[in-house]
Amino acid sequence: MSESHRPDLVLRFFGGAMVAVGALMFALCGLCTLTFLVTAVIPGGDRSFAVMALVIGGVPTAIGFGMMTLGHSIHQKHTPKAAPPRSE
């Protein structure tokens, strides 16, 4: 393997790692935020939980979504394209 292919592999790995970390952040923070939002909406729930959930939990959820999206675009950008089949 030549040296010219190494940066593409590193960037693909970095993009994949960003997708994995971003997906974990998005899923875990999003589920926690959703739990607090549902707790605030049910009868007898404290409405201040909704604001707290959106302020404290919404930011990491959005960051996780951004990391996931950015990592996916980096990974796709540096994935080699398949050559079209040769017609004989």
PDB file of N, CA and C in Angstrom:
ATOM      1  N   MET A   1       0.848  -1.175   0.000  1.00  0.00           N
ATOM      2  CA  MET A   1       0.000   0.000   0.000  1.00  0.00           C
ATOM      3  C   MET A   1       0.891   1.235   0.000  1.00  0.00           C
ATOM      4  N   SER A   2       0.597   2.168  -0.836  1.00  0.00           N
ATOM      5  CA  SER A   2       1.428   3.358  -0.933  1.00  0.00           C
ATOM      6  C   SER A   2       1.047   4.366   0.138  1.00  0.00           C
ATOM      7  N   GLU A   3       1.927   5.335   0.321  1.00  0.00           N
ATOM      8  CA  GLU A   3       1.722   6.360   1.341  1.00  0.00           C
ATOM      9  C   GLU A   3       0.564   7.293   1.008  1.00  0.00           C
ATOM     10  N   SER A   4       0.196   7.408  -0.266  1.00  0.00           N
ATOM     11  CA  SER A   4      -0.860   8.345  -0.653  1.00  0.00           C
ATOM     12  C   SER A   4      -2.237   7.906  -0.160  1.00  0.00           C
ATOM     13  N   HIS A   5      -2.409   6.615   0.170  1.00  0.00           N
ATOM     14  CA  HIS A   5      -3.707   6.128   0.628  1.00  0.00           C
ATOM     15  C   HIS A   5      -3.891   6.256   2.126  1.00  0.00           C
ATOM     16  N   ARG A   6      -2.836   6.499   2.864  1.00  0.00           N
ATOM     17  CA  ARG A   6      -2.942   6.555   4.318  1.00  0.00           C
ATOM     18  C   ARG A   6      -3.856   7.664   4.827  1.00  0.00           C
ATOM     19  N   PRO A   7      -3.751   8.895   4.341  1.00  0.00           N
ATOM     20  CA  PRO A   7      -4.653   9.925   4.867  1.00  0.00           C
ATOM     21  C   PRO A   7      -6.134   9.600   4.662  1.00  0.00           C
ATOM     22  N   ASP A   8      -6.460   8.959   3.547  1.00  0.00           N
ATOM     23  CA  ASP A   8      -7.851   8.595   3.307  1.00  0.00           C
ATOM     24  C   ASP A   8      -8.326   7.576   4.338  1.00  0.00           C
ATOM     25  N   LEU A   9      -7.491   6.605   4.669  1.00  0.00           N
ATOM     26  CA  LEU A   9      -7.867   5.611   5.666  1.00  0.00           C
ATOM     27  C   LEU A   9      -8.012   6.233   7.045  1.00  0.00           C
ATOM     28  N   VAL A  10      -7.115   7.142   7.365  1.00  0.00           N
ATOM     29  CA  VAL A  10      -7.179   7.807   8.665  1.00  0.00           C
ATOM     30  C   VAL A  10      -8.440   8.665   8.752  1.00  0.00           C
ATOM     31  N   LEU A  11      -8.737   9.394   7.697  1.00  0.00           N
ATOM     32  CA  LEU A  11      -9.935  10.229   7.701  1.00  0.00           C
ATOM     33  C   LEU A  11     -11.210   9.379   7.731  1.00  0.00           C
ATOM     34  N   ARG A  12     -11.199   8.245   7.039  1.00  0.00           N
ATOM     35  CA  ARG A  12     -12.362   7.346   7.094  1.00  0.00           C
ATOM     36  C   ARG A  12     -12.555   6.813   8.506  1.00  0.00           C
ATOM     37  N   PHE A  13     -11.449   6.420   9.159  1.00  0.00           N
ATOM     38  CA  PHE A  13     -11.546   5.937  10.526  1.00  0.00           C
ATOM     39  C   PHE A  13     -12.041   7.044  11.455  1.00  0.00           C
ATOM     40  N   PHE A  14     -11.501   8.244  11.298  1.00  0.00           N
ATOM     41  CA  PHE A  14     -11.914   9.382  12.124  1.00  0.00           C
ATOM     42  C   PHE A  14     -13.392   9.699  11.904  1.00  0.00           C
ATOM     43  N   GLY A  15     -13.846   9.639  10.667  1.00  0.00           N
ATOM     44  CA  GLY A  15     -15.261   9.870  10.381  1.00  0.00           C
ATOM     45  C   GLY A  15     -16.141   8.807  11.008  1.00  0.00           C
ATOM     46  N   GLY A  16     -15.713   7.550  10.925  1.00  0.00           N
ATOM     47  CA  GLY A  16     -16.472   6.466  11.544  1.00  0.00           C
ATOM     48  C   GLY A  16     -16.520   6.588  13.058  1.00  0.00           C
ATOM     49  N   ALA A  17     -15.394   6.991  13.654  1.00  0.00           N
ATOM     50  CA  ALA A  17     -15.359   7.190  15.108  1.00  0.00           C
ATOM     51  C   ALA A  17     -16.281   8.333  15.515  1.00  0.00           C
ATOM     52  N   MET A  18     -16.305   9.396  14.710  1.00  0.00           N
ATOM     53  CA  MET A  18     -17.212  10.509  15.013  1.00  0.00           C
ATOM     54  C   MET A  18     -18.666  10.077  14.919  1.00  0.00           C
ATOM     55  N   VAL A  19     -18.983   9.234  13.953  1.00  0.00           N
ATOM     56  CA  VAL A  19     -20.354   8.722  13.835  1.00  0.00           C
ATOM     57  C   VAL A  19     -20.713   7.914  15.073  1.00  0.00           C
ATOM     58  N   ALA A  20     -19.804   7.051  15.515  1.00  0.00           N
ATOM     59  CA  ALA A  20     -20.086   6.206  16.674  1.00  0.00           C
ATOM     60  C   ALA A  20     -20.278   7.037  17.947  1.00  0.00           C
ATOM     61  N   VAL A  21     -19.369   7.962  18.205  1.00  0.00           N
ATOM     62  CA  VAL A  21     -19.471   8.793  19.410  1.00  0.00           C
ATOM     63  C   VAL A  21     -20.692   9.705  19.322  1.00  0.00           C
ATOM     64  N   GLY A  22     -20.918  10.284  18.162  1.00  0.00           N
ATOM     65  CA  GLY A  22     -22.077  11.158  17.987  1.00  0.00           C
ATOM     66  C   GLY A  22     -23.396  10.415  18.153  1.00  0.00           C
ATOM     67  N   ALA A  23     -23.466   9.186  17.638  1.00  0.00           N
ATOM     68  CA  ALA A  23     -24.688   8.402  17.773  1.00  0.00           C
ATOM     69  C   ALA A  23     -24.947   8.046  19.235  1.00  0.00           C
ATOM     70  N   LEU A  24     -23.889   7.703  19.960  1.00  0.00           N
ATOM     71  CA  LEU A  24     -24.057   7.416  21.389  1.00  0.00           C
ATOM     72  C   LEU A  24     -24.522   8.650  22.153  1.00  0.00           C
ATOM     73  N   MET A  25     -23.896   9.788  21.884  1.00  0.00           N
ATOM     74  CA  MET A  25     -24.315  11.029  22.558  1.00  0.00           C
ATOM     75  C   MET A  25     -25.755  11.368  22.219  1.00  0.00           C
ATOM     76  N   PHE A  26     -26.085  11.276  20.932  1.00  0.00           N
ATOM     77  CA  PHE A  26     -27.426  11.627  20.478  1.00  0.00           C
ATOM     78  C   PHE A  26     -28.471  10.716  21.115  1.00  0.00           C
ATOM     79  N   ALA A  27     -28.190   9.422  21.150  1.00  0.00           N
ATOM     80  CA  ALA A  27     -29.155   8.468  21.686  1.00  0.00           C
ATOM     81  C   ALA A  27     -29.303   8.603  23.204  1.00  0.00           C
ATOM     82  N   LEU A  28     -28.187   8.613  23.911  1.00  0.00           N
ATOM     83  CA  LEU A  28     -28.263   8.631  25.374  1.00  0.00           C
ATOM     84  C   LEU A  28     -28.773   9.968  25.905  1.00  0.00           C
ATOM     85  N   CYS A  29     -28.237  11.062  25.400  1.00  0.00           N
ATOM     86  CA  CYS A  29     -28.697  12.376  25.856  1.00  0.00           C
ATOM     87  C   CYS A  29     -30.129  12.637  25.407  1.00  0.00           C
ATOM     88  N   GLY A  30     -30.459  12.177  24.209  1.00  0.00           N
ATOM     89  CA  GLY A  30     -31.818  12.368  23.708  1.00  0.00           C
ATOM     90  C   GLY A  30     -32.844  11.591  24.514  1.00  0.00           C
ATOM     91  N   LEU A  31     -32.518  10.350  24.897  1.00  0.00           N
ATOM     92  CA  LEU A  31     -33.447   9.563  25.716  1.00  0.00           C
ATOM     93  C   LEU A  31     -33.618  10.172  27.105  1.00  0.00           C
ATOM     94  N   CYS A  32     -32.531  10.654  27.676  1.00  0.00           N
ATOM     95  CA  CYS A  32     -32.619  11.288  28.989  1.00  0.00           C
ATOM     96  C   CYS A  32     -33.461  12.563  28.908  1.00  0.00           C
ATOM     97  N   THR A  33     -33.235  13.368  27.895  1.00  0.00           N
ATOM     98  CA  THR A  33     -34.018  14.587  27.714  1.00  0.00           C
ATOM     99  C   THR A  33     -35.489  14.256  27.498  1.00  0.00           C
ATOM    100  N   LEU A  34     -35.750  13.232  26.705  1.00  0.00           N
ATOM    101  CA  LEU A  34     -37.127  12.819  26.452  1.00  0.00           C
ATOM    102  C   LEU A  34     -37.811  12.356  27.744  1.00  0.00           C
ATOM    103  N   THR A  35     -37.071  11.663  28.590  1.00  0.00           N
ATOM    104  CA  THR A  35     -37.622  11.221  29.873  1.00  0.00           C
ATOM    105  C   THR A  35     -38.043  12.406  30.727  1.00  0.00           C
ATOM    106  N   PHE A  36     -37.201  13.418  30.818  1.00  0.00           N
ATOM    107  CA  PHE A  36     -37.547  14.599  31.599  1.00  0.00           C
ATOM    108  C   PHE A  36     -38.705  15.369  30.975  1.00  0.00           C
ATOM    109  N   LEU A  37     -38.769  15.417  29.640  1.00  0.00           N
ATOM    110  CA  LEU A  37     -39.880  16.106  28.995  1.00  0.00           C
ATOM    111  C   LEU A  37     -41.201  15.394  29.250  1.00  0.00           C
ATOM    112  N   VAL A  38     -41.195  14.068  29.188  1.00  0.00           N
ATOM    113  CA  VAL A  38     -42.417  13.311  29.458  1.00  0.00           C
ATOM    114  C   VAL A  38     -42.827  13.476  30.913  1.00  0.00           C
ATOM    115  N   THR A  39     -41.846  13.478  31.820  1.00  0.00           N
ATOM    116  CA  THR A  39     -42.138  13.688  33.244  1.00  0.00           C
ATOM    117  C   THR A  39     -42.782  15.053  33.478  1.00  0.00           C
ATOM    118  N   ALA A  40     -42.376  16.058  32.717  1.00  0.00           N
ATOM    119  CA  ALA A  40     -42.933  17.393  32.887  1.00  0.00           C
ATOM    120  C   ALA A  40     -44.335  17.499  32.308  1.00  0.00           C
ATOM    121  N   VAL A  41     -44.668  16.680  31.324  1.00  0.00           N
ATOM    122  CA  VAL A  41     -45.951  16.801  30.634  1.00  0.00           C
ATOM    123  C   VAL A  41     -47.067  16.026  31.336  1.00  0.00           C
ATOM    124  N   ILE A  42     -46.731  14.924  31.997  1.00  0.00           N
ATOM    125  CA  ILE A  42     -47.778  14.112  32.636  1.00  0.00           C
ATOM    126  C   ILE A  42     -48.479  14.930  33.718  1.00  0.00           C
ATOM    127  N   PRO A  43     -49.750  14.610  34.005  1.00  0.00           N
ATOM    128  CA  PRO A  43     -50.481  15.363  35.032  1.00  0.00           C
ATOM    129  C   PRO A  43     -49.766  15.294  36.379  1.00  0.00           C
ATOM    130  N   GLY A  44     -49.633  16.425  37.009  1.00  0.00           N
ATOM    131  CA  GLY A  44     -48.945  16.521  38.290  1.00  0.00           C
ATOM    132  C   GLY A  44     -47.452  16.691  38.141  1.00  0.00           C
ATOM    133  N   GLY A  45     -46.960  16.762  36.915  1.00  0.00           N
ATOM    134  CA  GLY A  45     -45.522  16.920  36.679  1.00  0.00           C
ATOM    135  C   GLY A  45     -45.100  18.366  36.842  1.00  0.00           C
ATOM    136  N   ASP A  46     -43.843  18.557  37.145  1.00  0.00           N
ATOM    137  CA  ASP A  46     -43.294  19.902  37.328  1.00  0.00           C
ATOM    138  C   ASP A  46     -42.886  20.462  35.958  1.00  0.00           C
ATOM    139  N   ARG A  47     -43.501  21.569  35.571  1.00  0.00           N
ATOM    140  CA  ARG A  47     -43.245  22.154  34.245  1.00  0.00           C
ATOM    141  C   ARG A  47     -41.824  22.698  34.107  1.00  0.00           C
ATOM    142  N   SER A  48     -41.169  22.999  35.206  1.00  0.00           N
ATOM    143  CA  SER A  48     -39.805  23.533  35.121  1.00  0.00           C
ATOM    144  C   SER A  48     -38.831  22.462  34.631  1.00  0.00           C
ATOM    145  N   PHE A  49     -39.198  21.183  34.747  1.00  0.00           N
ATOM    146  CA  PHE A  49     -38.348  20.121  34.216  1.00  0.00           C
ATOM    147  C   PHE A  49     -38.214  20.229  32.699  1.00  0.00           C
ATOM    148  N   ALA A  50     -39.246  20.704  32.039  1.00  0.00           N
ATOM    149  CA  ALA A  50     -39.194  20.811  30.579  1.00  0.00           C
ATOM    150  C   ALA A  50     -38.140  21.823  30.148  1.00  0.00           C
ATOM    151  N   VAL A  51     -38.105  22.961  30.803  1.00  0.00           N
ATOM    152  CA  VAL A  51     -37.115  23.987  30.463  1.00  0.00           C
ATOM    153  C   VAL A  51     -35.716  23.488  30.790  1.00  0.00           C
ATOM    154  N   MET A  52     -35.578  22.874  31.960  1.00  0.00           N
ATOM    155  CA  MET A  52     -34.272  22.355  32.369  1.00  0.00           C
ATOM    156  C   MET A  52     -33.793  21.272  31.406  1.00  0.00           C
ATOM    157  N   ALA A  53     -34.693  20.400  30.986  1.00  0.00           N
ATOM    158  CA  ALA A  53     -34.316  19.324  30.068  1.00  0.00           C
ATOM    159  C   ALA A  53     -33.861  19.874  28.725  1.00  0.00           C
ATOM    160  N   LEU A  54     -34.558  20.875  28.228  1.00  0.00           N
ATOM    161  CA  LEU A  54     -34.183  21.442  26.932  1.00  0.00           C
ATOM    162  C   LEU A  54     -32.875  22.218  26.999  1.00  0.00           C
ATOM    163  N   VAL A  55     -32.642  22.911  28.105  1.00  0.00           N
ATOM    164  CA  VAL A  55     -31.413  23.695  28.225  1.00  0.00           C
ATOM    165  C   VAL A  55     -30.213  22.793  28.498  1.00  0.00           C
ATOM    166  N   ILE A  56     -30.349  21.896  29.470  1.00  0.00           N
ATOM    167  CA  ILE A  56     -29.210  21.066  29.867  1.00  0.00           C
ATOM    168  C   ILE A  56     -29.043  19.855  28.952  1.00  0.00           C
ATOM    169  N   GLY A  57     -30.118  19.207  28.567  1.00  0.00           N
ATOM    170  CA  GLY A  57     -30.014  18.006  27.753  1.00  0.00           C
ATOM    171  C   GLY A  57     -30.081  18.248  26.262  1.00  0.00           C
ATOM    172  N   GLY A  58     -30.670  19.359  25.862  1.00  0.00           N
ATOM    173  CA  GLY A  58     -30.817  19.623  24.439  1.00  0.00           C
ATOM    174  C   GLY A  58     -29.508  19.965  23.750  1.00  0.00           C
ATOM    175  N   VAL A  59     -28.620  20.639  24.468  1.00  0.00           N
ATOM    176  CA  VAL A  59     -27.343  21.039  23.873  1.00  0.00           C
ATOM    177  C   VAL A  59     -26.467  19.821  23.547  1.00  0.00           C
ATOM    178  N   PRO A  60     -26.241  18.886  24.491  1.00  0.00           N
ATOM    179  CA  PRO A  60     -25.445  17.713  24.113  1.00  0.00           C
ATOM    180  C   PRO A  60     -26.120  16.840  23.058  1.00  0.00           C
ATOM    181  N   THR A  61     -27.445  16.823  23.067  1.00  0.00           N
ATOM    182  CA  THR A  61     -28.161  16.064  22.035  1.00  0.00           C
ATOM    183  C   THR A  61     -27.888  16.668  20.661  1.00  0.00           C
ATOM    184  N   ALA A  62     -27.939  17.974  20.560  1.00  0.00           N
ATOM    185  CA  ALA A  62     -27.663  18.648  19.285  1.00  0.00           C
ATOM    186  C   ALA A  62     -26.202  18.466  18.872  1.00  0.00           C
ATOM    187  N   ILE A  63     -25.278  18.502  19.825  1.00  0.00           N
ATOM    188  CA  ILE A  63     -23.866  18.288  19.514  1.00  0.00           C
ATOM    189  C   ILE A  63     -23.656  16.863  19.009  1.00  0.00           C
ATOM    190  N   GLY A  64     -24.310  15.903  19.644  1.00  0.00           N
ATOM    191  CA  GLY A  64     -24.205  14.515  19.191  1.00  0.00           C
ATOM    192  C   GLY A  64     -24.739  14.330  17.786  1.00  0.00           C
ATOM    193  N   PHE A  65     -25.858  14.971  17.476  1.00  0.00           N
ATOM    194  CA  PHE A  65     -26.408  14.897  16.124  1.00  0.00           C
ATOM    195  C   PHE A  65     -25.455  15.533  15.121  1.00  0.00           C
ATOM    196  N   GLY A  66     -24.862  16.658  15.500  1.00  0.00           N
ATOM    197  CA  GLY A  66     -23.903  17.319  14.610  1.00  0.00           C
ATOM    198  C   GLY A  66     -22.667  16.478  14.369  1.00  0.00           C
ATOM    199  N   MET A  67     -22.150  15.843  15.428  1.00  0.00           N
ATOM    200  CA  MET A  67     -20.989  14.971  15.263  1.00  0.00           C
ATOM    201  C   MET A  67     -21.313  13.786  14.360  1.00  0.00           C
ATOM    202  N   MET A  68     -22.505  13.235  14.543  1.00  0.00           N
ATOM    203  CA  MET A  68     -22.917  12.100  13.734  1.00  0.00           C
ATOM    204  C   MET A  68     -23.021  12.504  12.257  1.00  0.00           C
ATOM    205  N   THR A  69     -23.609  13.636  11.984  1.00  0.00           N
ATOM    206  CA  THR A  69     -23.771  14.113  10.606  1.00  0.00           C
ATOM    207  C   THR A  69     -22.427  14.468   9.971  1.00  0.00           C
ATOM    208  N   LEU A  70     -21.584  15.177  10.713  1.00  0.00           N
ATOM    209  CA  LEU A  70     -20.270  15.559  10.194  1.00  0.00           C
ATOM    210  C   LEU A  70     -19.396  14.331   9.960  1.00  0.00           C
ATOM    211  N   GLY A  71     -19.409  13.394  10.907  1.00  0.00           N
ATOM    212  CA  GLY A  71     -18.630  12.173  10.744  1.00  0.00           C
ATOM    213  C   GLY A  71     -19.082  11.361   9.547  1.00  0.00           C
ATOM    214  N   HIS A  72     -20.385  11.311   9.323  1.00  0.00           N
ATOM    215  CA  HIS A  72     -20.907  10.585   8.158  1.00  0.00           C
ATOM    216  C   HIS A  72     -20.441  11.226   6.861  1.00  0.00           C
ATOM    217  N   SER A  73     -20.454  12.548   6.807  1.00  0.00           N
ATOM    218  CA  SER A  73     -20.022  13.213   5.573  1.00  0.00           C
ATOM    219  C   SER A  73     -18.520  13.029   5.353  1.00  0.00           C
ATOM    220  N   ILE A  74     -17.714  13.052   6.421  1.00  0.00           N
ATOM    221  CA  ILE A  74     -16.275  12.819   6.279  1.00  0.00           C
ATOM    222  C   ILE A  74     -16.030  11.394   5.803  1.00  0.00           C
ATOM    223  N   HIS A  75     -16.731  10.441   6.390  1.00  0.00           N
ATOM    224  CA  HIS A  75     -16.544   9.039   6.023  1.00  0.00           C
ATOM    225  C   HIS A  75     -16.948   8.795   4.573  1.00  0.00           C
ATOM    226  N   GLN A  76     -18.061   9.356   4.145  1.00  0.00           N
ATOM    227  CA  GLN A  76     -18.519   9.155   2.764  1.00  0.00           C
ATOM    228  C   GLN A  76     -17.617   9.860   1.753  1.00  0.00           C
ATOM    229  N   LYS A  77     -17.082  11.009   2.140  1.00  0.00           N
ATOM    230  CA  LYS A  77     -16.236  11.771   1.231  1.00  0.00           C
ATOM    231  C   LYS A  77     -14.940  11.025   0.914  1.00  0.00           C
ATOM    232  N   HIS A  78     -14.431  10.266   1.878  1.00  0.00           N
ATOM    233  CA  HIS A  78     -13.152   9.589   1.700  1.00  0.00           C
ATOM    234  C   HIS A  78     -13.298   8.093   1.452  1.00  0.00           C
ATOM    235  N   THR A  79     -14.493   7.650   1.113  1.00  0.00           N
ATOM    236  CA  THR A  79     -14.707   6.259   0.724  1.00  0.00           C
ATOM    237  C   THR A  79     -14.482   6.143  -0.777  1.00  0.00           C
ATOM    238  N   PRO A  80     -13.640   5.193  -1.198  1.00  0.00           N
ATOM    239  CA  PRO A  80     -13.390   5.077  -2.642  1.00  0.00           C
ATOM    240  C   PRO A  80     -14.654   4.642  -3.382  1.00  0.00           C
ATOM    241  N   LYS A  81     -14.833   5.226  -4.528  1.00  0.00           N
ATOM    242  CA  LYS A  81     -15.992   4.916  -5.358  1.00  0.00           C
ATOM    243  C   LYS A  81     -15.717   3.616  -6.126  1.00  0.00           C
ATOM    244  N   ALA A  82     -16.732   2.819  -6.256  1.00  0.00           N
ATOM    245  CA  ALA A  82     -16.589   1.564  -7.010  1.00  0.00           C
ATOM    246  C   ALA A  82     -16.504   1.898  -8.498  1.00  0.00           C
ATOM    247  N   ALA A  83     -15.624   1.211  -9.176  1.00  0.00           N
ATOM    248  CA  ALA A  83     -15.471   1.424 -10.621  1.00  0.00           C
ATOM    249  C   ALA A  83     -16.654   0.799 -11.348  1.00  0.00           C
ATOM    250  N   PRO A  84     -17.175   1.462 -12.376  1.00  0.00           N
ATOM    251  CA  PRO A  84     -18.293   0.872 -13.131  1.00  0.00           C
ATOM    252  C   PRO A  84     -17.823  -0.392 -13.836  1.00  0.00           C
ATOM    253  N   PRO A  85     -18.711  -1.341 -14.030  1.00  0.00           N
ATOM    254  CA  PRO A  85     -18.323  -2.583 -14.705  1.00  0.00           C
ATOM    255  C   PRO A  85     -17.911  -2.314 -16.146  1.00  0.00           C
ATOM    256  N   ARG A  86     -16.865  -3.013 -16.561  1.00  0.00           N
ATOM    257  CA  ARG A  86     -16.373  -2.851 -17.922  1.00  0.00           C
ATOM    258  C   ARG A  86     -17.208  -3.667 -18.883  1.00  0.00           C
ATOM    259  N   SER A  87     -17.620  -3.036 -19.969  1.00  0.00           N
ATOM    260  CA  SER A  87     -18.377  -3.768 -20.989  1.00  0.00           C
ATOM    261  C   SER A  87     -17.408  -4.279 -22.053  1.00  0.00           C
ATOM    262  N   GLU A  88     -17.599  -5.514 -22.427  1.00  0.00           N
ATOM    263  CA  GLU A  88     -16.682  -6.104 -23.416  1.00  0.00           C
ATOM    264  C   GLU A  88     -17.368  -6.339 -24.719  1.00  0.00           C
TER     265      GLU A  88
END
